[in-house]
Structures are given as structure tokens and as C-alpha cells.
Amino acid sequence: MMMRTRRFIAGRKLVQDERGDVPGWVLVTLMTAGLVVVIWAVAGPALVGLFEQAISRVSGM
């Protein structure tokens, strides 16, 4: 009985430790989304120009 209780407590502590890391993952996700938006804003016009140039060369216009 004592061994079962120790396992239960150890398992519960592991779950609590994992739950404490959620704000870190949320922060990483938000920072990644922010970087994507910034990079897209900076590189977007250049990528559109590159795409239009490639399409015009392929279509021969």
C-alpha cells in the first residue's frame, strides 16, 4: 500500500511539473508568430515581385 501511494505522489508531481511549463510554450508560440509576421511584412513585397517576374518569364509576356 505504501509503495502505491509513493507512485501516485510521484506521478502527480510529474503532472504538476509539466503543467508549469505551459506559459513557456505559449510564449514561444507567440514569439514565433510575431517573427513570422515581421519577416512576412519585410520580405512580402520582394517575394511578390519575384513571383510575378518568374510567372512573366514562364508565360512569355
PDB file of N, CA and C in Angstrom:
ATOM      1  N   MET A   1       0.830  -1.193   0.000  1.00  0.00           N
ATOM      2  CA  MET A   1       0.000   0.000   0.000  1.00  0.00           C
ATOM      3  C   MET A   1       0.875   1.259   0.000  1.00  0.00           C
ATOM      4  N   MET A   2       1.939   1.228   0.792  1.00  0.00           N
ATOM      5  CA  MET A   2       2.819   2.386   0.891  1.00  0.00           C
ATOM      6  C   MET A   2       3.506   2.657  -0.450  1.00  0.00           C
ATOM      7  N   MET A   3       3.887   1.589  -1.167  1.00  0.00           N
ATOM      8  CA  MET A   3       4.558   1.739  -2.452  1.00  0.00           C
ATOM      9  C   MET A   3       3.617   2.377  -3.475  1.00  0.00           C
ATOM     10  N   ARG A   4       2.342   1.983  -3.449  1.00  0.00           N
ATOM     11  CA  ARG A   4       1.355   2.562  -4.362  1.00  0.00           C
ATOM     12  C   ARG A   4       1.169   4.051  -4.116  1.00  0.00           C
ATOM     13  N   THR A   5       1.159   4.433  -2.869  1.00  0.00           N
ATOM     14  CA  THR A   5       0.984   5.842  -2.519  1.00  0.00           C
ATOM     15  C   THR A   5       2.171   6.665  -3.010  1.00  0.00           C
ATOM     16  N   ARG A   6       3.357   6.121  -2.883  1.00  0.00           N
ATOM     17  CA  ARG A   6       4.548   6.845  -3.355  1.00  0.00           C
ATOM     18  C   ARG A   6       4.507   7.034  -4.865  1.00  0.00           C
ATOM     19  N   ARG A   7       4.077   5.985  -5.574  1.00  0.00           N
ATOM     20  CA  ARG A   7       3.981   6.106  -7.033  1.00  0.00           C
ATOM     21  C   ARG A   7       2.943   7.151  -7.422  1.00  0.00           C
ATOM     22  N   PHE A   8       1.835   7.153  -6.735  1.00  0.00           N
ATOM     23  CA  PHE A   8       0.775   8.122  -7.013  1.00  0.00           C
ATOM     24  C   PHE A   8       1.286   9.543  -6.796  1.00  0.00           C
ATOM     25  N   ILE A   9       1.976   9.753  -5.697  1.00  0.00           N
ATOM     26  CA  ILE A   9       2.507  11.086  -5.382  1.00  0.00           C
ATOM     27  C   ILE A   9       3.557  11.487  -6.423  1.00  0.00           C
ATOM     28  N   ALA A  10       4.424  10.544  -6.810  1.00  0.00           N
ATOM     29  CA  ALA A  10       5.452  10.841  -7.805  1.00  0.00           C
ATOM     30  C   ALA A  10       4.808  11.168  -9.155  1.00  0.00           C
ATOM     31  N   GLY A  11       3.785  10.405  -9.540  1.00  0.00           N
ATOM     32  CA  GLY A  11       3.091  10.676 -10.798  1.00  0.00           C
ATOM     33  C   GLY A  11       2.378  12.008 -10.773  1.00  0.00           C
ATOM     34  N   ARG A  12       1.773  12.322  -9.652  1.00  0.00           N
ATOM     35  CA  ARG A  12       1.062  13.598  -9.523  1.00  0.00           C
ATOM     36  C   ARG A  12       2.038  14.773  -9.598  1.00  0.00           C
ATOM     37  N   LYS A  13       3.186  14.611  -8.981  1.00  0.00           N
ATOM     38  CA  LYS A  13       4.200  15.674  -9.016  1.00  0.00           C
ATOM     39  C   LYS A  13       4.714  15.879 -10.439  1.00  0.00           C
ATOM     40  N   LEU A  14       4.863  14.789 -11.191  1.00  0.00           N
ATOM     41  CA  LEU A  14       5.313  14.884 -12.579  1.00  0.00           C
ATOM     42  C   LEU A  14       4.302  15.653 -13.415  1.00  0.00           C
ATOM     43  N   VAL A  15       3.025  15.386 -13.219  1.00  0.00           N
ATOM     44  CA  VAL A  15       1.983  16.094 -13.959  1.00  0.00           C
ATOM     45  C   VAL A  15       1.989  17.576 -13.591  1.00  0.00           C
ATOM     46  N   GLN A  16       2.170  17.890 -12.330  1.00  0.00           N
ATOM     47  CA  GLN A  16       2.213  19.294 -11.914  1.00  0.00           C
ATOM     48  C   GLN A  16       3.411  20.004 -12.510  1.00  0.00           C
ATOM     49  N   ASP A  17       4.555  19.304 -12.588  1.00  0.00           N
ATOM     50  CA  ASP A  17       5.748  19.909 -13.186  1.00  0.00           C
ATOM     51  C   ASP A  17       5.519  20.204 -14.660  1.00  0.00           C
ATOM     52  N   GLU A  18       4.866  19.308 -15.373  1.00  0.00           N
ATOM     53  CA  GLU A  18       4.594  19.517 -16.791  1.00  0.00           C
ATOM     54  C   GLU A  18       3.633  20.679 -17.000  1.00  0.00           C
ATOM     55  N   ARG A  19       2.662  20.816 -16.131  1.00  0.00           N
ATOM     56  CA  ARG A  19       1.690  21.881 -16.265  1.00  0.00           C
ATOM     57  C   ARG A  19       2.341  23.250 -16.062  1.00  0.00           C
ATOM     58  N   GLY A  20       3.385  23.316 -15.278  1.00  0.00           N
ATOM     59  CA  GLY A  20       4.050  24.580 -15.001  1.00  0.00           C
ATOM     60  C   GLY A  20       4.797  25.132 -16.197  1.00  0.00           C
ATOM     61  N   ASP A  21       5.032  24.302 -17.219  1.00  0.00           N
ATOM     62  CA  ASP A  21       5.792  24.728 -18.380  1.00  0.00           C
ATOM     63  C   ASP A  21       4.902  25.300 -19.481  1.00  0.00           C
ATOM     64  N   VAL A  22       3.604  25.276 -19.289  1.00  0.00           N
ATOM     65  CA  VAL A  22       2.679  25.756 -20.320  1.00  0.00           C
ATOM     66  C   VAL A  22       2.918  27.230 -20.661  1.00  0.00           C
ATOM     67  N   PRO A  23       3.078  28.140 -19.721  1.00  0.00           N
ATOM     68  CA  PRO A  23       3.315  29.537 -20.099  1.00  0.00           C
ATOM     69  C   PRO A  23       4.566  29.715 -20.970  1.00  0.00           C
ATOM     70  N   GLY A  24       5.563  28.894 -20.760  1.00  0.00           N
ATOM     71  CA  GLY A  24       6.761  28.957 -21.593  1.00  0.00           C
ATOM     72  C   GLY A  24       6.461  28.613 -23.037  1.00  0.00           C
ATOM     73  N   TRP A  25       5.663  27.567 -23.247  1.00  0.00           N
ATOM     74  CA  TRP A  25       5.312  27.165 -24.601  1.00  0.00           C
ATOM     75  C   TRP A  25       4.405  28.202 -25.258  1.00  0.00           C
ATOM     76  N   VAL A  26       3.544  28.802 -24.485  1.00  0.00           N
ATOM     77  CA  VAL A  26       2.678  29.858 -25.030  1.00  0.00           C
ATOM     78  C   VAL A  26       3.539  31.028 -25.488  1.00  0.00           C
ATOM     79  N   LEU A  27       4.518  31.389 -24.691  1.00  0.00           N
ATOM     80  CA  LEU A  27       5.411  32.488 -25.047  1.00  0.00           C
ATOM     81  C   LEU A  27       6.204  32.166 -26.305  1.00  0.00           C
ATOM     82  N   VAL A  28       6.716  30.954 -26.404  1.00  0.00           N
ATOM     83  CA  VAL A  28       7.467  30.546 -27.589  1.00  0.00           C
ATOM     84  C   VAL A  28       6.570  30.607 -28.827  1.00  0.00           C
ATOM     85  N   THR A  29       5.330  30.153 -28.700  1.00  0.00           N
ATOM     86  CA  THR A  29       4.397  30.176 -29.822  1.00  0.00           C
ATOM     87  C   THR A  29       4.090  31.604 -30.258  1.00  0.00           C
ATOM     88  N   LEU A  30       3.835  32.476 -29.297  1.00  0.00           N
ATOM     89  CA  LEU A  30       3.537  33.866 -29.633  1.00  0.00           C
ATOM     90  C   LEU A  30       4.736  34.573 -30.258  1.00  0.00           C
ATOM     91  N   MET A  31       5.922  34.297 -29.748  1.00  0.00           N
ATOM     92  CA  MET A  31       7.121  34.916 -30.315  1.00  0.00           C
ATOM     93  C   MET A  31       7.368  34.424 -31.738  1.00  0.00           C
ATOM     94  N   THR A  32       7.125  33.144 -31.979  1.00  0.00           N
ATOM     95  CA  THR A  32       7.295  32.600 -33.326  1.00  0.00           C
ATOM     96  C   THR A  32       6.307  33.242 -34.288  1.00  0.00           C
ATOM     97  N   ALA A  33       5.058  33.374 -33.853  1.00  0.00           N
ATOM     98  CA  ALA A  33       4.052  34.025 -34.695  1.00  0.00           C
ATOM     99  C   ALA A  33       4.438  35.469 -34.982  1.00  0.00           C
ATOM    100  N   GLY A  34       4.963  36.162 -33.989  1.00  0.00           N
ATOM    101  CA  GLY A  34       5.412  37.539 -34.183  1.00  0.00           C
ATOM    102  C   GLY A  34       6.548  37.633 -35.183  1.00  0.00           C
ATOM    103  N   LEU A  35       7.493  36.717 -35.095  1.00  0.00           N
ATOM    104  CA  LEU A  35       8.605  36.713 -36.053  1.00  0.00           C
ATOM    105  C   LEU A  35       8.120  36.451 -37.474  1.00  0.00           C
ATOM    106  N   VAL A  36       7.179  35.542 -37.618  1.00  0.00           N
ATOM    107  CA  VAL A  36       6.628  35.255 -38.948  1.00  0.00           C
ATOM    108  C   VAL A  36       5.970  36.502 -39.528  1.00  0.00           C
ATOM    109  N   VAL A  37       5.208  37.207 -38.711  1.00  0.00           N
ATOM    110  CA  VAL A  37       4.532  38.423 -39.186  1.00  0.00           C
ATOM    111  C   VAL A  37       5.555  39.482 -39.597  1.00  0.00           C
ATOM    112  N   VAL A  38       6.582  39.671 -38.792  1.00  0.00           N
ATOM    113  CA  VAL A  38       7.608  40.684 -39.106  1.00  0.00           C
ATOM    114  C   VAL A  38       8.373  40.315 -40.376  1.00  0.00           C
ATOM    115  N   ILE A  39       8.769  39.057 -40.481  1.00  0.00           N
ATOM    116  CA  ILE A  39       9.510  38.620 -41.675  1.00  0.00           C
ATOM    117  C   ILE A  39       8.627  38.735 -42.915  1.00  0.00           C
ATOM    118  N   TRP A  40       7.358  38.346 -42.783  1.00  0.00           N
ATOM    119  CA  TRP A  40       6.441  38.438 -43.919  1.00  0.00           C
ATOM    120  C   TRP A  40       6.249  39.896 -44.343  1.00  0.00           C
ATOM    121  N   ALA A  41       6.163  40.799 -43.386  1.00  0.00           N
ATOM    122  CA  ALA A  41       5.978  42.219 -43.704  1.00  0.00           C
ATOM    123  C   ALA A  41       7.193  42.782 -44.435  1.00  0.00           C
ATOM    124  N   VAL A  42       8.372  42.336 -44.043  1.00  0.00           N
ATOM    125  CA  VAL A  42       9.602  42.840 -44.661  1.00  0.00           C
ATOM    126  C   VAL A  42       9.849  42.184 -46.017  1.00  0.00           C
ATOM    127  N   ALA A  43       9.695  40.869 -46.087  1.00  0.00           N
ATOM    128  CA  ALA A  43      10.052  40.129 -47.304  1.00  0.00           C
ATOM    129  C   ALA A  43       8.879  39.954 -48.262  1.00  0.00           C
ATOM    130  N   GLY A  44       7.653  40.242 -47.822  1.00  0.00           N
ATOM    131  CA  GLY A  44       6.473  40.019 -48.654  1.00  0.00           C
ATOM    132  C   GLY A  44       6.521  40.704 -50.003  1.00  0.00           C
ATOM    133  N   PRO A  45       6.762  42.013 -50.053  1.00  0.00           N
ATOM    134  CA  PRO A  45       6.803  42.690 -51.356  1.00  0.00           C
ATOM    135  C   PRO A  45       7.895  42.138 -52.294  1.00  0.00           C
ATOM    136  N   ALA A  46       9.034  41.792 -51.737  1.00  0.00           N
ATOM    137  CA  ALA A  46      10.106  41.227 -52.561  1.00  0.00           C
ATOM    138  C   ALA A  46       9.704  39.860 -53.110  1.00  0.00           C
ATOM    139  N   LEU A  47       9.039  39.068 -52.294  1.00  0.00           N
ATOM    140  CA  LEU A  47       8.589  37.749 -52.750  1.00  0.00           C
ATOM    141  C   LEU A  47       7.514  37.870 -53.824  1.00  0.00           C
ATOM    142  N   VAL A  48       6.615  38.825 -53.674  1.00  0.00           N
ATOM    143  CA  VAL A  48       5.579  39.037 -54.686  1.00  0.00           C
ATOM    144  C   VAL A  48       6.216  39.457 -56.005  1.00  0.00           C
ATOM    145  N   GLY A  49       7.179  40.356 -55.948  1.00  0.00           N
ATOM    146  CA  GLY A  49       7.882  40.781 -57.157  1.00  0.00           C
ATOM    147  C   GLY A  49       8.619  39.636 -57.825  1.00  0.00           C
ATOM    148  N   LEU A  50       9.264  38.817 -57.030  1.00  0.00           N
ATOM    149  CA  LEU A  50       9.992  37.664 -57.552  1.00  0.00           C
ATOM    150  C   LEU A  50       9.031  36.683 -58.220  1.00  0.00           C
ATOM    151  N   PHE A  51       7.894  36.447 -57.587  1.00  0.00           N
ATOM    152  CA  PHE A  51       6.893  35.534 -58.134  1.00  0.00           C
ATOM    153  C   PHE A  51       6.337  36.071 -59.453  1.00  0.00           C
ATOM    154  N   GLU A  52       5.999  37.349 -59.488  1.00  0.00           N
ATOM    155  CA  GLU A  52       5.458  37.941 -60.717  1.00  0.00           C
ATOM    156  C   GLU A  52       6.479  37.915 -61.849  1.00  0.00           C
ATOM    157  N   GLN A  53       7.737  38.137 -61.516  1.00  0.00           N
ATOM    158  CA  GLN A  53       8.798  38.082 -62.517  1.00  0.00           C
ATOM    159  C   GLN A  53       8.939  36.666 -63.075  1.00  0.00           C
ATOM    160  N   ALA A  54       8.890  35.673 -62.207  1.00  0.00           N
ATOM    161  CA  ALA A  54       9.007  34.282 -62.650  1.00  0.00           C
ATOM    162  C   ALA A  54       7.827  33.890 -63.533  1.00  0.00           C
ATOM    163  N   ILE A  55       6.623  34.298 -63.154  1.00  0.00           N
ATOM    164  CA  ILE A  55       5.445  33.975 -63.947  1.00  0.00           C
ATOM    165  C   ILE A  55       5.501  34.654 -65.315  1.00  0.00           C
ATOM    166  N   SER A  56       5.953  35.902 -65.358  1.00  0.00           N
ATOM    167  CA  SER A  56       6.032  36.608 -66.632  1.00  0.00           C
ATOM    168  C   SER A  56       7.077  35.962 -67.561  1.00  0.00           C
ATOM    169  N   ARG A  57       8.146  35.457 -67.005  1.00  0.00           N
ATOM    170  CA  ARG A  57       9.165  34.774 -67.829  1.00  0.00           C
ATOM    171  C   ARG A  57       8.640  33.456 -68.375  1.00  0.00           C
ATOM    172  N   VAL A  58       7.897  32.731 -67.545  1.00  0.00           N
ATOM    173  CA  VAL A  58       7.381  31.435 -67.971  1.00  0.00           C
ATOM    174  C   VAL A  58       6.297  31.628 -69.030  1.00  0.00           C
ATOM    175  N   SER A  59       5.429  32.599 -68.823  1.00  0.00           N
ATOM    176  CA  SER A  59       4.325  32.809 -69.774  1.00  0.00           C
ATOM    177  C   SER A  59       4.768  33.587 -71.012  1.00  0.00           C
ATOM    178  N   GLY A  60       5.931  34.195 -71.004  1.00  0.00           N
ATOM    179  CA  GLY A  60       6.475  34.917 -72.152  1.00  0.00           C
ATOM    180  C   GLY A  60       5.826  36.250 -72.415  1.00  0.00           C
ATOM    181  N   MET A  61       5.283  36.873 -71.407  1.00  0.00           N
ATOM    182  CA  MET A  61       4.612  38.154 -71.565  1.00  0.00           C
ATOM    183  C   MET A  61       5.571  39.295 -71.391  1.00  0.00           C
TER     184      MET A  61
END
